[in-house]
Amino acid sequence: MKRVGICAVLSTALFGVAAALTRPYAVDPQTASQSGRVKQPSFVGQYVVCVWDSLSYPGRVELFTGDVGGQGRYTVEVKDSATSEVIARQRFVTPKGNHQWLPFDSLEIIGPFVRGRTVLFSFTRESPDSIHYYYRQDEYAYGSMVVGGQAQEDNDLACRVYGTCKPVGPEYFGFNVGWPRGESLNLIATKAQDAGVAADRFGFGWNWMEQSPGNFVWPSVEFEWSHYTLKCEELGLLRGKSVTLL
């Protein structure tokens, strides 16, 4: 069973606009027994589900390099797994030394990133040097490592991905204050309040509107409804014979 990684989110200021730096993928090396080597024309890579808008700075990719050997430079390409098109790359990065994180922090963005799509982070190195890579088992739930074009379903490459996310707009966001209940609701409400998310709920019986079969009378709820929809986008939730406006 693969474990789901936790996404760490940091805030940063870009030209006065708050943006988010997210780390959707991070696998650290553990032991030398979980390592291998590959050299051109083969590659080592990792499939990751895109949950970011860009990899531009301060976004970056980091590969853990084991025994470096020579001074052959490293290249990373980010490819759309559906089309194999290269959507970002950085070429010829000089190794830092043995058993260190090698940063790719000046990526050339070629095509757009689409949230929800799977992308392949592919690493190669100048001949005759090889890549001594590390991996761990069952660390990432949504993709796997690739070596020379062959997926290794149980393994995940020791690398890190930092992406940037666009700031959200001024829309109002909320959640259903009726679900869940008790301490779980208190915990969610506290976290939402800390994040500046407002919540409210308006429930009414369906017979307020359909007072007899096929006879709908809306004015009884339109006044209350107008207050809730003035500065938010409503979401109707049908439960049994009642309607909840979230």
C-alpha atoms as a PDB file:
ATOM      1  CA  MET A   1       0.000   0.000   0.000  1.00  0.00           C
ATOM      2  CA  LYS A   2       1.486   3.314  -1.032  1.00  0.00           C
ATOM      3  CA  ARG A   3       1.453   6.194   1.404  1.00  0.00           C
ATOM      4  CA  VAL A   4       0.137   9.586   0.373  1.00  0.00           C
ATOM      5  CA  GLY A   5       2.711  12.330   0.762  1.00  0.00           C
ATOM      6  CA  ILE A   6       1.901  15.531   2.617  1.00  0.00           C
ATOM      7  CA  CYS A   7       2.020  18.695   0.549  1.00  0.00           C
ATOM      8  CA  ALA A   8       3.906  21.473   2.320  1.00  0.00           C
ATOM      9  CA  VAL A   9       2.706  24.948   1.364  1.00  0.00           C
ATOM     10  CA  LEU A  10       4.751  28.089   1.921  1.00  0.00           C
ATOM     11  CA  SER A  11       3.764  31.682   1.227  1.00  0.00           C
ATOM     12  CA  THR A  12       5.980  33.997  -0.758  1.00  0.00           C
ATOM     13  CA  ALA A  13       5.598  37.510  -2.137  1.00  0.00           C
ATOM     14  CA  LEU A  14       5.902  38.048  -5.873  1.00  0.00           C
ATOM     15  CA  PHE A  15       5.547  41.623  -7.028  1.00  0.00           C
ATOM     16  CA  GLY A  16       3.219  42.337  -4.142  1.00  0.00           C
ATOM     17  CA  VAL A  17       0.928  39.381  -4.860  1.00  0.00           C
ATOM     18  CA  ALA A  18       0.761  36.433  -2.492  1.00  0.00           C
ATOM     19  CA  ALA A  19       1.669  33.164  -4.206  1.00  0.00           C
ATOM     20  CA  ALA A  20       2.099  29.648  -2.899  1.00  0.00           C
ATOM     21  CA  LEU A  21       5.173  27.456  -3.127  1.00  0.00           C
ATOM     22  CA  THR A  22       4.089  23.849  -2.890  1.00  0.00           C
ATOM     23  CA  ARG A  23       6.110  20.645  -2.627  1.00  0.00           C
ATOM     24  CA  PRO A  24       3.873  17.980  -4.177  1.00  0.00           C
ATOM     25  CA  TYR A  25       6.618  15.370  -4.406  1.00  0.00           C
ATOM     26  CA  ALA A  26       9.480  14.697  -2.001  1.00  0.00           C
ATOM     27  CA  VAL A  27      11.230  11.356  -1.505  1.00  0.00           C
ATOM     28  CA  ASP A  28      14.452  11.243   0.511  1.00  0.00           C
ATOM     29  CA  PRO A  29      17.118   8.532   0.166  1.00  0.00           C
ATOM     30  CA  GLN A  30      17.321   5.930   2.892  1.00  0.00           C
ATOM     31  CA  THR A  31      19.931   3.274   2.227  1.00  0.00           C
ATOM     32  CA  ALA A  32      22.618   2.470  -0.348  1.00  0.00           C
ATOM     33  CA  SER A  33      20.927  -0.856  -1.047  1.00  0.00           C
ATOM     34  CA  GLN A  34      18.082   1.114  -2.650  1.00  0.00           C
ATOM     35  CA  SER A  35      20.106   2.704  -5.410  1.00  0.00           C
ATOM     36  CA  GLY A  36      21.077   2.035  -8.998  1.00  0.00           C
ATOM     37  CA  ARG A  37      22.901   3.418 -12.026  1.00  0.00           C
ATOM     38  CA  VAL A  38      21.856   4.501 -15.476  1.00  0.00           C
ATOM     39  CA  LYS A  39      23.620   6.369 -18.291  1.00  0.00           C
ATOM     40  CA  GLN A  40      22.797   7.681 -21.735  1.00  0.00           C
ATOM     41  CA  PRO A  41      20.933   6.887 -23.846  1.00  0.00           C
ATOM     42  CA  SER A  42      18.822   5.613 -20.929  1.00  0.00           C
ATOM     43  CA  PHE A  43      17.349   7.817 -18.224  1.00  0.00           C
ATOM     44  CA  VAL A  44      15.851   7.665 -14.752  1.00  0.00           C
ATOM     45  CA  GLY A  45      12.620   9.476 -13.964  1.00  0.00           C
ATOM     46  CA  GLN A  46       9.487   9.789 -11.867  1.00  0.00           C
ATOM     47  CA  TYR A  47       5.809  10.172 -12.752  1.00  0.00           C
ATOM     48  CA  VAL A  48       4.109  12.906 -10.700  1.00  0.00           C
ATOM     49  CA  VAL A  49       0.568  14.274 -10.850  1.00  0.00           C
ATOM     50  CA  CYS A  50       0.652  18.013 -11.594  1.00  0.00           C
ATOM     51  CA  VAL A  51      -0.927  20.138  -8.835  1.00  0.00           C
ATOM     52  CA  TRP A  52       0.998  23.371  -9.574  1.00  0.00           C
ATOM     53  CA  ASP A  53       0.721  26.185 -12.104  1.00  0.00           C
ATOM     54  CA  SER A  54       4.399  26.667 -12.883  1.00  0.00           C
ATOM     55  CA  LEU A  55       7.919  25.502 -12.065  1.00  0.00           C
ATOM     56  CA  SER A  56       9.380  28.962 -12.568  1.00  0.00           C
ATOM     57  CA  TYR A  57      11.544  30.364  -9.777  1.00  0.00           C
ATOM     58  CA  PRO A  58      11.165  29.928  -6.830  1.00  0.00           C
ATOM     59  CA  GLY A  59       9.871  26.616  -8.154  1.00  0.00           C
ATOM     60  CA  ARG A  60      12.567  24.031  -8.792  1.00  0.00           C
ATOM     61  CA  VAL A  61      13.447  20.349  -9.072  1.00  0.00           C
ATOM     62  CA  GLU A  62      16.085  18.566  -6.987  1.00  0.00           C
ATOM     63  CA  LEU A  63      17.678  15.181  -7.679  1.00  0.00           C
ATOM     64  CA  PHE A  64      19.648  13.297  -5.050  1.00  0.00           C
ATOM     65  CA  THR A  65      22.938  12.278  -6.658  1.00  0.00           C
ATOM     66  CA  GLY A  66      24.903   9.430  -5.116  1.00  0.00           C
ATOM     67  CA  ASP A  67      28.482   8.666  -6.184  1.00  0.00           C
ATOM     68  CA  VAL A  68      29.067  11.337  -8.833  1.00  0.00           C
ATOM     69  CA  GLY A  69      32.347  10.078 -10.271  1.00  0.00           C
ATOM     70  CA  GLY A  70      33.192  12.429 -13.147  1.00  0.00           C
ATOM     71  CA  GLN A  71      32.009  15.926 -13.992  1.00  0.00           C
ATOM     72  CA  GLY A  72      29.367  14.960 -16.552  1.00  0.00           C
ATOM     73  CA  ARG A  73      26.510  17.474 -16.407  1.00  0.00           C
ATOM     74  CA  TYR A  74      22.890  16.620 -15.644  1.00  0.00           C
ATOM     75  CA  THR A  75      19.730  17.492 -17.578  1.00  0.00           C
ATOM     76  CA  VAL A  76      16.096  17.312 -16.521  1.00  0.00           C
ATOM     77  CA  GLU A  77      13.119  17.320 -18.869  1.00  0.00           C
ATOM     78  CA  VAL A  78       9.495  17.509 -17.762  1.00  0.00           C
ATOM     79  CA  LYS A  79       7.173  15.779 -20.216  1.00  0.00           C
ATOM     80  CA  ASP A  80       3.418  15.479 -20.529  1.00  0.00           C
ATOM     81  CA  SER A  81       2.890  11.736 -20.126  1.00  0.00           C
ATOM     82  CA  ALA A  82      -0.089  11.765 -22.518  1.00  0.00           C
ATOM     83  CA  THR A  83       1.657  13.520 -25.427  1.00  0.00           C
ATOM     84  CA  SER A  84       5.374  13.067 -24.557  1.00  0.00           C
ATOM     85  CA  GLU A  85       5.826  16.780 -25.272  1.00  0.00           C
ATOM     86  CA  VAL A  86       8.529  18.547 -23.281  1.00  0.00           C
ATOM     87  CA  ILE A  87       6.910  21.303 -21.218  1.00  0.00           C
ATOM     88  CA  ALA A  88       9.949  22.321 -19.147  1.00  0.00           C
ATOM     89  CA  ARG A  89      13.689  21.611 -19.098  1.00  0.00           C
ATOM     90  CA  GLN A  90      17.040  22.628 -17.723  1.00  0.00           C
ATOM     91  CA  ARG A  91      20.226  21.409 -19.356  1.00  0.00           C
ATOM     92  CA  PHE A  92      23.812  20.878 -18.313  1.00  0.00           C
ATOM     93  CA  VAL A  93      23.819  21.367 -14.540  1.00  0.00           C
ATOM     94  CA  THR A  94      27.200  20.632 -12.981  1.00  0.00           C
ATOM     95  CA  PRO A  95      27.168  18.140 -10.088  1.00  0.00           C
ATOM     96  CA  LYS A  96      27.746  19.541  -6.590  1.00  0.00           C
ATOM     97  CA  GLY A  97      29.487  16.482  -5.137  1.00  0.00           C
ATOM     98  CA  ASN A  98      28.792  13.005  -3.855  1.00  0.00           C
ATOM     99  CA  HIS A  99      25.535  12.279  -2.050  1.00  0.00           C
ATOM    100  CA  GLN A 100      24.045  15.731  -2.376  1.00  0.00           C
ATOM    101  CA  TRP A 101      20.841  17.321  -3.647  1.00  0.00           C
ATOM    102  CA  LEU A 102      21.388  18.748  -7.133  1.00  0.00           C
ATOM    103  CA  PRO A 103      19.065  21.733  -7.754  1.00  0.00           C
ATOM    104  CA  PHE A 104      17.506  22.576 -11.115  1.00  0.00           C
ATOM    105  CA  ASP A 105      16.319  26.091 -10.256  1.00  0.00           C
ATOM    106  CA  SER A 106      16.366  27.852 -13.634  1.00  0.00           C
ATOM    107  CA  LEU A 107      13.926  25.742 -15.593  1.00  0.00           C
ATOM    108  CA  GLU A 108      12.916  26.835 -19.080  1.00  0.00           C
ATOM    109  CA  ILE A 109       9.114  26.705 -19.270  1.00  0.00           C
ATOM    110  CA  ILE A 110       8.074  25.606 -22.761  1.00  0.00           C
ATOM    111  CA  GLY A 111       4.431  24.604 -22.490  1.00  0.00           C
ATOM    112  CA  PRO A 112       1.593  25.043 -19.998  1.00  0.00           C
ATOM    113  CA  PHE A 113       1.110  22.805 -16.997  1.00  0.00           C
ATOM    114  CA  VAL A 114      -2.355  21.292 -16.634  1.00  0.00           C
ATOM    115  CA  ARG A 115      -3.486  20.421 -13.138  1.00  0.00           C
ATOM    116  CA  GLY A 116      -4.479  16.802 -12.762  1.00  0.00           C
ATOM    117  CA  ARG A 117      -2.307  15.528 -15.602  1.00  0.00           C
ATOM    118  CA  THR A 118       0.591  13.181 -14.989  1.00  0.00           C
ATOM    119  CA  VAL A 119       4.022  14.479 -15.983  1.00  0.00           C
ATOM    120  CA  LEU A 120       7.341  12.672 -16.213  1.00  0.00           C
ATOM    121  CA  PHE A 121      10.490  14.130 -14.671  1.00  0.00           C
ATOM    122  CA  SER A 122      13.275  12.605 -16.767  1.00  0.00           C
ATOM    123  CA  PHE A 123      16.960  12.882 -15.759  1.00  0.00           C
ATOM    124  CA  THR A 124      19.929  12.197 -18.043  1.00  0.00           C
ATOM    125  CA  ARG A 125      23.673  12.847 -17.832  1.00  0.00           C
ATOM    126  CA  GLU A 126      26.478  13.507 -20.276  1.00  0.00           C
ATOM    127  CA  SER A 127      28.446  10.432 -21.323  1.00  0.00           C
ATOM    128  CA  PRO A 128      30.476   8.627 -20.234  1.00  0.00           C
ATOM    129  CA  ASP A 129      29.290   9.353 -16.677  1.00  0.00           C
ATOM    130  CA  SER A 130      26.288   7.569 -15.204  1.00  0.00           C
ATOM    131  CA  ILE A 131      23.592   8.718 -12.786  1.00  0.00           C
ATOM    132  CA  HIS A 132      23.840   7.027  -9.421  1.00  0.00           C
ATOM    133  CA  TYR A 133      20.235   7.438  -8.265  1.00  0.00           C
ATOM    134  CA  TYR A 134      18.453   6.484  -5.057  1.00  0.00           C
ATOM    135  CA  TYR A 135      14.882   5.356  -4.543  1.00  0.00           C
ATOM    136  CA  ARG A 136      12.466   4.185  -1.879  1.00  0.00           C
ATOM    137  CA  GLN A 137       9.496   1.861  -1.955  1.00  0.00           C
ATOM    138  CA  ASP A 138       5.861   2.947  -1.785  1.00  0.00           C
ATOM    139  CA  GLU A 139       6.485   6.595  -0.918  1.00  0.00           C
ATOM    140  CA  TYR A 140       4.224   8.261  -3.500  1.00  0.00           C
ATOM    141  CA  ALA A 141       0.668   7.150  -4.165  1.00  0.00           C
ATOM    142  CA  TYR A 142       0.086   8.629  -7.631  1.00  0.00           C
ATOM    143  CA  GLY A 143       3.069   7.591  -9.754  1.00  0.00           C
ATOM    144  CA  SER A 144       6.208   5.505  -9.918  1.00  0.00           C
ATOM    145  CA  MET A 145       9.852   5.558 -10.904  1.00  0.00           C
ATOM    146  CA  VAL A 146      10.962   4.856 -14.469  1.00  0.00           C
ATOM    147  CA  VAL A 147      14.354   3.436 -15.438  1.00  0.00           C
ATOM    148  CA  GLY A 148      15.236   3.287 -19.117  1.00  0.00           C
ATOM    149  CA  GLY A 149      11.597   3.479 -20.124  1.00  0.00           C
ATOM    150  CA  GLN A 150      10.479   0.686 -17.791  1.00  0.00           C
ATOM    151  CA  ALA A 151       8.158   1.642 -14.927  1.00  0.00           C
ATOM    152  CA  GLN A 152       9.004   0.261 -11.501  1.00  0.00           C
ATOM    153  CA  GLU A 153       5.603   0.323  -9.853  1.00  0.00           C
ATOM    154  CA  ASP A 154       6.788  -0.205  -6.272  1.00  0.00           C
ATOM    155  CA  ASN A 155       9.655   2.307  -6.353  1.00  0.00           C
ATOM    156  CA  ASP A 156       9.814   6.102  -6.216  1.00  0.00           C
ATOM    157  CA  LEU A 157      12.838   8.189  -7.180  1.00  0.00           C
ATOM    158  CA  ALA A 158      14.695  10.222  -4.555  1.00  0.00           C
ATOM    159  CA  CYS A 159      13.961  13.692  -5.832  1.00  0.00           C
ATOM    160  CA  ARG A 160      11.917  16.757  -4.918  1.00  0.00           C
ATOM    161  CA  VAL A 161       9.531  18.957  -6.865  1.00  0.00           C
ATOM    162  CA  TYR A 162       8.662  22.514  -5.828  1.00  0.00           C
ATOM    163  CA  GLY A 163       5.947  24.237  -7.842  1.00  0.00           C
ATOM    164  CA  THR A 164       4.301  27.642  -7.653  1.00  0.00           C
ATOM    165  CA  CYS A 165       0.544  28.195  -7.560  1.00  0.00           C
ATOM    166  CA  LYS A 166      -1.313  31.291  -8.681  1.00  0.00           C
ATOM    167  CA  PRO A 167      -3.047  33.299  -5.963  1.00  0.00           C
ATOM    168  CA  VAL A 168      -6.773  32.735  -5.704  1.00  0.00           C
ATOM    169  CA  GLY A 169      -9.191  35.453  -6.685  1.00  0.00           C
ATOM    170  CA  PRO A 170     -11.420  37.511  -4.373  1.00  0.00           C
ATOM    171  CA  GLU A 171     -14.265  35.001  -4.468  1.00  0.00           C
ATOM    172  CA  TYR A 172     -15.842  33.832  -1.250  1.00  0.00           C
ATOM    173  CA  PHE A 173     -15.158  30.268  -0.207  1.00  0.00           C
ATOM    174  CA  GLY A 174     -16.906  28.211   2.430  1.00  0.00           C
ATOM    175  CA  PHE A 175     -17.860  24.796   3.644  1.00  0.00           C
ATOM    176  CA  ASN A 176     -20.902  22.968   4.974  1.00  0.00           C
ATOM    177  CA  VAL A 177     -21.143  23.857   8.651  1.00  0.00           C
ATOM    178  CA  GLY A 178     -23.612  21.019   9.202  1.00  0.00           C
ATOM    179  CA  TRP A 179     -21.217  18.231   8.223  1.00  0.00           C
ATOM    180  CA  PRO A 180     -19.404  16.901  10.170  1.00  0.00           C
ATOM    181  CA  ARG A 181     -20.555  17.476  13.744  1.00  0.00           C
ATOM    182  CA  GLY A 182     -19.091  17.700  17.220  1.00  0.00           C
ATOM    183  CA  GLU A 183     -15.371  18.064  17.743  1.00  0.00           C
ATOM    184  CA  SER A 184     -14.596  17.375  14.078  1.00  0.00           C
ATOM    185  CA  LEU A 185     -16.684  20.390  13.078  1.00  0.00           C
ATOM    186  CA  ASN A 186     -14.991  22.554  15.721  1.00  0.00           C
ATOM    187  CA  LEU A 187     -11.571  21.556  14.396  1.00  0.00           C
ATOM    188  CA  ILE A 188     -12.518  22.313  10.790  1.00  0.00           C
ATOM    189  CA  ALA A 189     -14.178  25.594  11.739  1.00  0.00           C
ATOM    190  CA  THR A 190     -11.110  26.718  13.686  1.00  0.00           C
ATOM    191  CA  LYS A 191      -8.772  25.926  10.800  1.00  0.00           C
ATOM    192  CA  ALA A 192     -11.093  27.655   8.332  1.00  0.00           C
ATOM    193  CA  GLN A 193     -11.310  30.751  10.515  1.00  0.00           C
ATOM    194  CA  ASP A 194      -7.518  30.892  10.828  1.00  0.00           C
ATOM    195  CA  ALA A 195      -7.285  30.738   7.025  1.00  0.00           C
ATOM    196  CA  GLY A 196      -9.897  33.474   6.582  1.00  0.00           C
ATOM    197  CA  VAL A 197     -12.590  31.173   5.184  1.00  0.00           C
ATOM    198  CA  ALA A 198     -16.144  32.090   6.087  1.00  0.00           C
ATOM    199  CA  ALA A 199     -18.978  29.622   6.542  1.00  0.00           C
ATOM    200  CA  ASP A 200     -22.725  29.797   6.805  1.00  0.00           C
ATOM    201  CA  ARG A 201     -25.653  27.515   6.222  1.00  0.00           C
ATOM    202  CA  PHE A 202     -29.280  27.948   5.221  1.00  0.00           C
ATOM    203  CA  GLY A 203     -31.491  24.884   5.407  1.00  0.00           C
ATOM    204  CA  PHE A 204     -35.157  24.614   4.546  1.00  0.00           C
ATOM    205  CA  GLY A 205     -37.693  21.900   3.990  1.00  0.00           C
ATOM    206  CA  TRP A 206     -38.565  21.043   0.423  1.00  0.00           C
ATOM    207  CA  ASN A 207     -42.272  21.460   1.208  1.00  0.00           C
ATOM    208  CA  TRP A 208     -41.601  25.174   1.711  1.00  0.00           C
ATOM    209  CA  MET A 209     -41.372  25.422  -2.073  1.00  0.00           C
ATOM    210  CA  GLU A 210     -43.368  22.435  -3.338  1.00  0.00           C
ATOM    211  CA  GLN A 211     -46.392  22.930  -1.120  1.00  0.00           C
ATOM    212  CA  SER A 212     -48.341  20.375  -3.124  1.00  0.00           C
ATOM    213  CA  PRO A 213     -47.238  17.949  -5.854  1.00  0.00           C
ATOM    214  CA  GLY A 214     -46.085  20.024  -8.831  1.00  0.00           C
ATOM    215  CA  ASN A 215     -47.020  23.332  -7.172  1.00  0.00           C
ATOM    216  CA  PHE A 216     -43.833  25.336  -6.520  1.00  0.00           C
ATOM    217  CA  VAL A 217     -43.946  28.534  -4.459  1.00  0.00           C
ATOM    218  CA  TRP A 218     -40.528  30.212  -4.411  1.00  0.00           C
ATOM    219  CA  PRO A 219     -41.073  33.639  -2.740  1.00  0.00           C
ATOM    220  CA  SER A 220     -41.013  32.098   0.727  1.00  0.00           C
ATOM    221  CA  VAL A 221     -37.284  31.409   0.440  1.00  0.00           C
ATOM    222  CA  GLU A 222     -36.151  33.962  -2.136  1.00  0.00           C
ATOM    223  CA  PHE A 223     -35.539  36.699   0.426  1.00  0.00           C
ATOM    224  CA  GLU A 224     -33.248  34.562   2.571  1.00  0.00           C
ATOM    225  CA  TRP A 225     -31.644  33.073  -0.507  1.00  0.00           C
ATOM    226  CA  SER A 226     -30.723  36.512  -1.876  1.00  0.00           C
ATOM    227  CA  HIS A 227     -28.687  37.309   1.235  1.00  0.00           C
ATOM    228  CA  TYR A 228     -26.644  34.139   0.886  1.00  0.00           C
ATOM    229  CA  THR A 229     -25.995  34.494  -2.824  1.00  0.00           C
ATOM    230  CA  LEU A 230     -25.062  38.168  -2.739  1.00  0.00           C
ATOM    231  CA  LYS A 231     -21.324  37.533  -2.278  1.00  0.00           C
ATOM    232  CA  CYS A 232     -20.909  33.835  -2.795  1.00  0.00           C
ATOM    233  CA  GLU A 233     -21.593  31.047  -5.236  1.00  0.00           C
ATOM    234  CA  GLU A 234     -24.283  28.780  -3.877  1.00  0.00           C
ATOM    235  CA  LEU A 235     -24.117  25.021  -3.925  1.00  0.00           C
ATOM    236  CA  GLY A 236     -27.286  23.036  -3.440  1.00  0.00           C
ATOM    237  CA  LEU A 237     -27.053  19.808  -1.494  1.00  0.00           C
ATOM    238  CA  LEU A 238     -30.051  17.483  -1.713  1.00  0.00           C
ATOM    239  CA  ARG A 239     -30.541  15.307   1.350  1.00  0.00           C
ATOM    240  CA  GLY A 240     -33.690  13.250   1.602  1.00  0.00           C
ATOM    241  CA  LYS A 241     -36.613  15.677   1.603  1.00  0.00           C
ATOM    242  CA  SER A 242     -34.637  18.804   2.462  1.00  0.00           C
ATOM    243  CA  VAL A 243     -32.332  21.151   0.594  1.00  0.00           C
ATOM    244  CA  THR A 244     -29.267  22.752   2.112  1.00  0.00           C
ATOM    245  CA  LEU A 245     -27.724  25.872   0.648  1.00  0.00           C
ATOM    246  CA  LEU A 246     -23.983  25.875   1.255  1.00  0.00           C
END
